[in-house]
Amino acid sequence: MNSKWLKPLLSIVGVVAVSLMTALSAQASDHSKYQARQHGYEHGYRDGFERGREDRDRHAAFRFDSDDYKHADRGYDKYMGDHDKYKEGYRTGYQAGYTDSFQGRRGRFVEIYGPPDSVEVRRYYPDDYVFESRPGGYPDIGYDIGYREGVQAGEKDFQNHERFDPDDHDRYRDGDHEYRSSFGDKELYKRSYRDGFMRGYQDGYGRWR
């Protein structure tokens, strides 16, 4: 190649490479923020729904004054992404869950915790079931996976007019779905998974109304 064209060509290649890296970096940042907000929203909705039900049952005033809402980082872990975005999502989810429960509406658990079927969710939150390993295990991983799958099972049984029976599901009985050795003690994972599955099943079926 003629040397007089080489330098401009290399310059163009460099500009394109920088532009591509910038675009990829921005995309990764957007994904991280979406992931953190989504994790926060899911945890916040679950906590808010439970608190709203408790306040409604004891005829308390409608208000967001719990320590969980104020701190807004319950359930947070570094793998989830930006801490502030998690807190932002948590408070939004908490408000939504609390309001639904306090006003006696059926929880939107399947809508929130259901499988990531939409294009939007697959694009920005593709690693919904991918968790990093943590030294000594991390019980909340088992609980979260169990909860999500319990919600789906409970909603399906409710829609099919089946009786309330989480024990009828293999995943609840086995308790080790999605388990990986990097999660730590398997028995601890199974206990956490079953706890999450049971609570998710109750929410999906509509037990907490």
C-alpha atoms as a PDB file:
ATOM      1  CA  MET A   1       0.000   0.000   0.000  1.00  0.00           C
ATOM      2  CA  ASN A   2       1.191   3.498  -0.830  1.00  0.00           C
ATOM      3  CA  SER A   3       2.619   5.029   2.334  1.00  0.00           C
ATOM      4  CA  LYS A   4       0.775   8.295   1.736  1.00  0.00           C
ATOM      5  CA  TRP A   5      -2.524   6.435   2.285  1.00  0.00           C
ATOM      6  CA  LEU A   6      -1.349   4.346   5.233  1.00  0.00           C
ATOM      7  CA  LYS A   7      -1.319   7.062   7.871  1.00  0.00           C
ATOM      8  CA  PRO A   8      -4.844   8.400   7.089  1.00  0.00           C
ATOM      9  CA  LEU A   9      -6.166   4.833   6.986  1.00  0.00           C
ATOM     10  CA  LEU A  10      -4.644   3.980  10.341  1.00  0.00           C
ATOM     11  CA  SER A  11      -6.098   7.192  11.728  1.00  0.00           C
ATOM     12  CA  ILE A  12      -9.568   6.219  10.524  1.00  0.00           C
ATOM     13  CA  VAL A  13      -9.201   2.711  11.986  1.00  0.00           C
ATOM     14  CA  GLY A  14      -8.163   4.244  15.289  1.00  0.00           C
ATOM     15  CA  VAL A  15     -11.190   6.543  15.365  1.00  0.00           C
ATOM     16  CA  VAL A  16     -13.526   3.649  14.584  1.00  0.00           C
ATOM     17  CA  ALA A  17     -11.935   1.484  17.298  1.00  0.00           C
ATOM     18  CA  VAL A  18     -12.250   4.220  19.898  1.00  0.00           C
ATOM     19  CA  SER A  19     -15.863   4.861  18.894  1.00  0.00           C
ATOM     20  CA  LEU A  20     -16.657   1.160  19.137  1.00  0.00           C
ATOM     21  CA  MET A  21     -15.034   0.833  22.558  1.00  0.00           C
ATOM     22  CA  THR A  22     -16.914   3.905  23.770  1.00  0.00           C
ATOM     23  CA  ALA A  23     -20.207   2.489  22.522  1.00  0.00           C
ATOM     24  CA  LEU A  24     -19.549  -0.898  24.147  1.00  0.00           C
ATOM     25  CA  SER A  25     -18.558   0.777  27.397  1.00  0.00           C
ATOM     26  CA  ALA A  26     -21.752   2.854  27.379  1.00  0.00           C
ATOM     27  CA  GLN A  27     -23.823  -0.248  26.655  1.00  0.00           C
ATOM     28  CA  ALA A  28     -22.174  -2.126  29.523  1.00  0.00           C
ATOM     29  CA  SER A  29     -22.820   0.823  31.821  1.00  0.00           C
ATOM     30  CA  ASP A  30     -26.481   0.973  30.797  1.00  0.00           C
ATOM     31  CA  HIS A  31     -26.836  -2.753  31.426  1.00  0.00           C
ATOM     32  CA  SER A  32     -25.194  -2.490  34.844  1.00  0.00           C
ATOM     33  CA  LYS A  33     -27.535   0.328  35.856  1.00  0.00           C
ATOM     34  CA  TYR A  34     -30.579  -1.565  34.590  1.00  0.00           C
ATOM     35  CA  GLN A  35     -29.491  -4.697  36.410  1.00  0.00           C
ATOM     36  CA  ALA A  36     -28.937  -2.863  39.687  1.00  0.00           C
ATOM     37  CA  ARG A  37     -32.294  -1.077  39.481  1.00  0.00           C
ATOM     38  CA  GLN A  38     -34.049  -4.322  38.585  1.00  0.00           C
ATOM     39  CA  HIS A  39     -32.539  -6.218  41.497  1.00  0.00           C
ATOM     40  CA  GLY A  40     -33.457  -3.348  43.798  1.00  0.00           C
ATOM     41  CA  TYR A  41     -37.009  -3.162  42.464  1.00  0.00           C
ATOM     42  CA  GLU A  42     -37.557  -6.899  42.920  1.00  0.00           C
ATOM     43  CA  HIS A  43     -36.305  -6.917  46.502  1.00  0.00           C
ATOM     44  CA  GLY A  44     -38.114  -3.684  47.323  1.00  0.00           C
ATOM     45  CA  TYR A  45     -41.429  -4.862  45.930  1.00  0.00           C
ATOM     46  CA  ARG A  46     -41.274  -8.063  47.941  1.00  0.00           C
ATOM     47  CA  ASP A  47     -40.427  -6.236  51.178  1.00  0.00           C
ATOM     48  CA  GLY A  48     -42.932  -3.461  50.572  1.00  0.00           C
ATOM     49  CA  PHE A  49     -45.739  -5.897  49.826  1.00  0.00           C
ATOM     50  CA  GLU A  50     -45.158  -7.722  53.088  1.00  0.00           C
ATOM     51  CA  ARG A  51     -44.988  -4.497  55.128  1.00  0.00           C
ATOM     52  CA  GLY A  52     -48.109  -3.136  53.445  1.00  0.00           C
ATOM     53  CA  ARG A  53     -50.016  -6.304  54.331  1.00  0.00           C
ATOM     54  CA  GLU A  54     -48.860  -6.067  57.949  1.00  0.00           C
ATOM     55  CA  ASP A  55     -49.873  -2.391  58.227  1.00  0.00           C
ATOM     56  CA  ARG A  56     -53.243  -3.055  56.620  1.00  0.00           C
ATOM     57  CA  ASP A  57     -53.971  -5.986  58.942  1.00  0.00           C
ATOM     58  CA  ARG A  58     -53.177  -3.952  62.042  1.00  0.00           C
ATOM     59  CA  HIS A  59     -55.069  -0.906  60.699  1.00  0.00           C
ATOM     60  CA  ALA A  60     -51.976   1.284  60.702  1.00  0.00           C
ATOM     61  CA  ALA A  61     -51.593   4.456  58.656  1.00  0.00           C
ATOM     62  CA  PHE A  62     -50.399   4.290  55.061  1.00  0.00           C
ATOM     63  CA  ARG A  63     -46.777   5.407  55.143  1.00  0.00           C
ATOM     64  CA  PHE A  64     -43.287   4.510  54.018  1.00  0.00           C
ATOM     65  CA  ASP A  65     -41.403   4.777  57.291  1.00  0.00           C
ATOM     66  CA  SER A  66     -39.711   1.418  57.776  1.00  0.00           C
ATOM     67  CA  ASP A  67     -35.958   1.148  58.212  1.00  0.00           C
ATOM     68  CA  ASP A  68     -35.835  -1.052  55.104  1.00  0.00           C
ATOM     69  CA  TYR A  69     -37.336   1.734  53.012  1.00  0.00           C
ATOM     70  CA  LYS A  70     -35.102   4.405  54.515  1.00  0.00           C
ATOM     71  CA  HIS A  71     -31.875   2.450  53.970  1.00  0.00           C
ATOM     72  CA  ALA A  72     -33.102   0.926  50.689  1.00  0.00           C
ATOM     73  CA  ASP A  73     -30.239  -1.560  50.403  1.00  0.00           C
ATOM     74  CA  ARG A  74     -31.654  -4.696  51.986  1.00  0.00           C
ATOM     75  CA  GLY A  75     -30.491  -7.677  49.974  1.00  0.00           C
ATOM     76  CA  TYR A  76     -27.863  -5.710  48.079  1.00  0.00           C
ATOM     77  CA  ASP A  77     -24.615  -7.361  47.025  1.00  0.00           C
ATOM     78  CA  LYS A  78     -21.783  -6.038  44.870  1.00  0.00           C
ATOM     79  CA  TYR A  79     -22.511  -8.389  41.979  1.00  0.00           C
ATOM     80  CA  MET A  80     -25.832  -6.579  41.464  1.00  0.00           C
ATOM     81  CA  GLY A  81     -24.131  -3.413  40.246  1.00  0.00           C
ATOM     82  CA  ASP A  82     -24.330   0.240  41.241  1.00  0.00           C
ATOM     83  CA  HIS A  83     -25.390   0.678  44.873  1.00  0.00           C
ATOM     84  CA  ASP A  84     -27.250   3.948  44.304  1.00  0.00           C
ATOM     85  CA  LYS A  85     -29.180   2.511  41.367  1.00  0.00           C
ATOM     86  CA  TYR A  86     -30.123  -0.477  43.499  1.00  0.00           C
ATOM     87  CA  LYS A  87     -31.442   1.865  46.191  1.00  0.00           C
ATOM     88  CA  GLU A  88     -33.350   3.843  43.595  1.00  0.00           C
ATOM     89  CA  GLY A  89     -34.997   0.668  42.314  1.00  0.00           C
ATOM     90  CA  TYR A  90     -35.606  -0.631  45.830  1.00  0.00           C
ATOM     91  CA  ARG A  91     -37.562   2.429  46.927  1.00  0.00           C
ATOM     92  CA  THR A  92     -39.625   2.444  43.742  1.00  0.00           C
ATOM     93  CA  GLY A  93     -40.393  -1.262  44.121  1.00  0.00           C
ATOM     94  CA  TYR A  94     -41.126  -0.892  47.834  1.00  0.00           C
ATOM     95  CA  GLN A  95     -43.649   1.859  47.181  1.00  0.00           C
ATOM     96  CA  ALA A  96     -45.357  -0.202  44.482  1.00  0.00           C
ATOM     97  CA  GLY A  97     -45.479  -3.361  46.599  1.00  0.00           C
ATOM     98  CA  TYR A  98     -46.621  -1.554  49.725  1.00  0.00           C
ATOM     99  CA  THR A  99     -49.382   0.252  47.843  1.00  0.00           C
ATOM    100  CA  ASP A 100     -50.647  -2.918  46.154  1.00  0.00           C
ATOM    101  CA  SER A 101     -50.769  -4.831  49.414  1.00  0.00           C
ATOM    102  CA  PHE A 102     -52.138  -2.043  51.607  1.00  0.00           C
ATOM    103  CA  GLN A 103     -54.967  -1.401  49.151  1.00  0.00           C
ATOM    104  CA  GLY A 104     -55.805  -5.094  48.937  1.00  0.00           C
ATOM    105  CA  ARG A 105     -54.746  -5.598  45.335  1.00  0.00           C
ATOM    106  CA  ARG A 106     -53.360  -8.888  44.115  1.00  0.00           C
ATOM    107  CA  GLY A 107     -49.572  -8.723  43.984  1.00  0.00           C
ATOM    108  CA  ARG A 108     -47.873  -8.266  40.604  1.00  0.00           C
ATOM    109  CA  PHE A 109     -45.300 -10.917  41.432  1.00  0.00           C
ATOM    110  CA  VAL A 110     -45.444 -12.863  38.198  1.00  0.00           C
ATOM    111  CA  GLU A 111     -45.166  -9.671  36.186  1.00  0.00           C
ATOM    112  CA  ILE A 112     -42.065  -8.701  38.162  1.00  0.00           C
ATOM    113  CA  TYR A 113     -40.451 -12.054  38.947  1.00  0.00           C
ATOM    114  CA  GLY A 114     -41.610 -14.084  35.979  1.00  0.00           C
ATOM    115  CA  PRO A 115     -39.207 -15.548  33.400  1.00  0.00           C
ATOM    116  CA  PRO A 116     -37.402 -12.960  31.230  1.00  0.00           C
ATOM    117  CA  ASP A 117     -39.440 -13.487  28.051  1.00  0.00           C
ATOM    118  CA  SER A 118     -39.633  -9.931  26.771  1.00  0.00           C
ATOM    119  CA  VAL A 119     -37.103  -8.531  24.313  1.00  0.00           C
ATOM    120  CA  GLU A 120     -36.453  -5.632  26.671  1.00  0.00           C
ATOM    121  CA  VAL A 121     -35.577  -7.894  29.593  1.00  0.00           C
ATOM    122  CA  ARG A 122     -33.455 -10.247  27.487  1.00  0.00           C
ATOM    123  CA  ARG A 123     -31.519  -7.292  26.108  1.00  0.00           C
ATOM    124  CA  TYR A 124     -30.747  -5.500  29.352  1.00  0.00           C
ATOM    125  CA  TYR A 125     -30.915  -8.280  31.919  1.00  0.00           C
ATOM    126  CA  PRO A 126     -29.666 -11.443  30.196  1.00  0.00           C
ATOM    127  CA  ASP A 127     -27.834 -12.868  33.204  1.00  0.00           C
ATOM    128  CA  ASP A 128     -30.845 -12.997  35.487  1.00  0.00           C
ATOM    129  CA  TYR A 129     -29.871 -16.481  36.636  1.00  0.00           C
ATOM    130  CA  VAL A 130     -26.114 -15.922  36.545  1.00  0.00           C
ATOM    131  CA  PHE A 131     -24.621 -15.276  39.958  1.00  0.00           C
ATOM    132  CA  GLU A 132     -21.017 -14.806  40.939  1.00  0.00           C
ATOM    133  CA  SER A 133     -19.510 -17.108  43.505  1.00  0.00           C
ATOM    134  CA  ARG A 134     -18.999 -15.801  47.004  1.00  0.00           C
ATOM    135  CA  PRO A 135     -16.662 -17.202  49.697  1.00  0.00           C
ATOM    136  CA  GLY A 136     -18.576 -19.305  52.184  1.00  0.00           C
ATOM    137  CA  GLY A 137     -21.710 -19.409  50.051  1.00  0.00           C
ATOM    138  CA  TYR A 138     -24.483 -16.893  49.798  1.00  0.00           C
ATOM    139  CA  PRO A 139     -27.873 -18.114  51.039  1.00  0.00           C
ATOM    140  CA  ASP A 140     -29.814 -15.269  49.430  1.00  0.00           C
ATOM    141  CA  ILE A 141     -28.957 -16.679  46.014  1.00  0.00           C
ATOM    142  CA  GLY A 142     -30.898 -19.839  46.848  1.00  0.00           C
ATOM    143  CA  TYR A 143     -33.742 -17.809  48.288  1.00  0.00           C
ATOM    144  CA  ASP A 144     -33.980 -15.518  45.272  1.00  0.00           C
ATOM    145  CA  ILE A 145     -33.926 -18.357  42.759  1.00  0.00           C
ATOM    146  CA  GLY A 146     -36.442 -20.322  44.811  1.00  0.00           C
ATOM    147  CA  TYR A 147     -38.661 -17.291  45.242  1.00  0.00           C
ATOM    148  CA  ARG A 148     -38.762 -16.539  41.520  1.00  0.00           C
ATOM    149  CA  GLU A 149     -39.571 -20.127  40.618  1.00  0.00           C
ATOM    150  CA  GLY A 150     -42.127 -20.393  43.426  1.00  0.00           C
ATOM    151  CA  VAL A 151     -43.938 -17.338  42.092  1.00  0.00           C
ATOM    152  CA  GLN A 152     -44.217 -18.941  38.675  1.00  0.00           C
ATOM    153  CA  ALA A 153     -45.415 -22.252  40.112  1.00  0.00           C
ATOM    154  CA  GLY A 154     -47.970 -20.591  42.395  1.00  0.00           C
ATOM    155  CA  GLU A 155     -49.383 -18.432  39.627  1.00  0.00           C
ATOM    156  CA  LYS A 156     -49.649 -21.432  37.299  1.00  0.00           C
ATOM    157  CA  ASP A 157     -51.506 -23.482  39.920  1.00  0.00           C
ATOM    158  CA  PHE A 158     -53.834 -20.576  40.635  1.00  0.00           C
ATOM    159  CA  GLN A 159     -54.600 -20.023  36.948  1.00  0.00           C
ATOM    160  CA  ASN A 160     -55.233 -23.754  36.453  1.00  0.00           C
ATOM    161  CA  HIS A 161     -57.535 -23.871  39.495  1.00  0.00           C
ATOM    162  CA  GLU A 162     -55.224 -26.316  41.229  1.00  0.00           C
ATOM    163  CA  ARG A 163     -55.215 -26.574  45.009  1.00  0.00           C
ATOM    164  CA  PHE A 164     -52.582 -24.740  47.039  1.00  0.00           C
ATOM    165  CA  ASP A 165     -49.799 -27.317  47.190  1.00  0.00           C
ATOM    166  CA  PRO A 166     -46.137 -26.288  46.810  1.00  0.00           C
ATOM    167  CA  ASP A 167     -45.094 -29.799  47.929  1.00  0.00           C
ATOM    168  CA  ASP A 168     -46.458 -31.103  44.644  1.00  0.00           C
ATOM    169  CA  HIS A 169     -43.590 -29.475  42.723  1.00  0.00           C
ATOM    170  CA  ASP A 170     -40.363 -31.371  42.096  1.00  0.00           C
ATOM    171  CA  ARG A 171     -38.230 -28.260  42.357  1.00  0.00           C
ATOM    172  CA  TYR A 172     -39.518 -27.542  45.845  1.00  0.00           C
ATOM    173  CA  ARG A 173     -38.931 -31.124  46.969  1.00  0.00           C
ATOM    174  CA  ASP A 174     -35.437 -31.289  45.441  1.00  0.00           C
ATOM    175  CA  GLY A 175     -34.450 -27.768  46.481  1.00  0.00           C
ATOM    176  CA  ASP A 176     -31.291 -27.675  44.395  1.00  0.00           C
ATOM    177  CA  HIS A 177     -32.364 -26.199  41.072  1.00  0.00           C
ATOM    178  CA  GLU A 178     -29.696 -23.877  39.610  1.00  0.00           C
ATOM    179  CA  TYR A 179     -27.265 -24.874  42.374  1.00  0.00           C
ATOM    180  CA  ARG A 180     -23.554 -24.586  41.612  1.00  0.00           C
ATOM    181  CA  SER A 181     -20.650 -25.750  43.722  1.00  0.00           C
ATOM    182  CA  SER A 182     -19.362 -22.160  43.855  1.00  0.00           C
ATOM    183  CA  PHE A 183     -22.435 -21.249  45.937  1.00  0.00           C
ATOM    184  CA  GLY A 184     -21.047 -23.136  48.913  1.00  0.00           C
ATOM    185  CA  ASP A 185     -22.811 -25.643  51.149  1.00  0.00           C
ATOM    186  CA  LYS A 186     -25.496 -27.451  49.172  1.00  0.00           C
ATOM    187  CA  GLU A 187     -27.753 -28.203  52.131  1.00  0.00           C
ATOM    188  CA  LEU A 188     -27.748 -24.529  53.107  1.00  0.00           C
ATOM    189  CA  TYR A 189     -28.653 -23.625  49.533  1.00  0.00           C
ATOM    190  CA  LYS A 190     -31.507 -26.159  49.533  1.00  0.00           C
ATOM    191  CA  ARG A 191     -32.958 -24.783  52.765  1.00  0.00           C
ATOM    192  CA  SER A 192     -32.778 -21.239  51.422  1.00  0.00           C
ATOM    193  CA  TYR A 193     -34.230 -22.305  48.072  1.00  0.00           C
ATOM    194  CA  ARG A 194     -37.206 -24.024  49.708  1.00  0.00           C
ATOM    195  CA  ASP A 195     -37.837 -21.016  51.965  1.00  0.00           C
ATOM    196  CA  GLY A 196     -37.825 -18.757  48.914  1.00  0.00           C
ATOM    197  CA  PHE A 197     -39.943 -21.145  46.858  1.00  0.00           C
ATOM    198  CA  MET A 198     -42.574 -21.388  49.573  1.00  0.00           C
ATOM    199  CA  ARG A 199     -42.842 -17.639  49.977  1.00  0.00           C
ATOM    200  CA  GLY A 200     -42.851 -17.103  46.222  1.00  0.00           C
ATOM    201  CA  TYR A 201     -45.501 -19.766  45.763  1.00  0.00           C
ATOM    202  CA  GLN A 202     -47.683 -18.083  48.361  1.00  0.00           C
ATOM    203  CA  ASP A 203     -47.310 -14.735  46.615  1.00  0.00           C
ATOM    204  CA  GLY A 204     -47.855 -16.180  43.149  1.00  0.00           C
ATOM    205  CA  TYR A 205     -50.919 -18.138  44.226  1.00  0.00           C
ATOM    206  CA  GLY A 206     -52.344 -15.133  46.024  1.00  0.00           C
ATOM    207  CA  ARG A 207     -52.201 -16.383  49.582  1.00  0.00           C
ATOM    208  CA  TRP A 208     -51.054 -12.989  50.884  1.00  0.00           C
ATOM    209  CA  ARG A 209     -54.147 -10.972  49.946  1.00  0.00           C
END
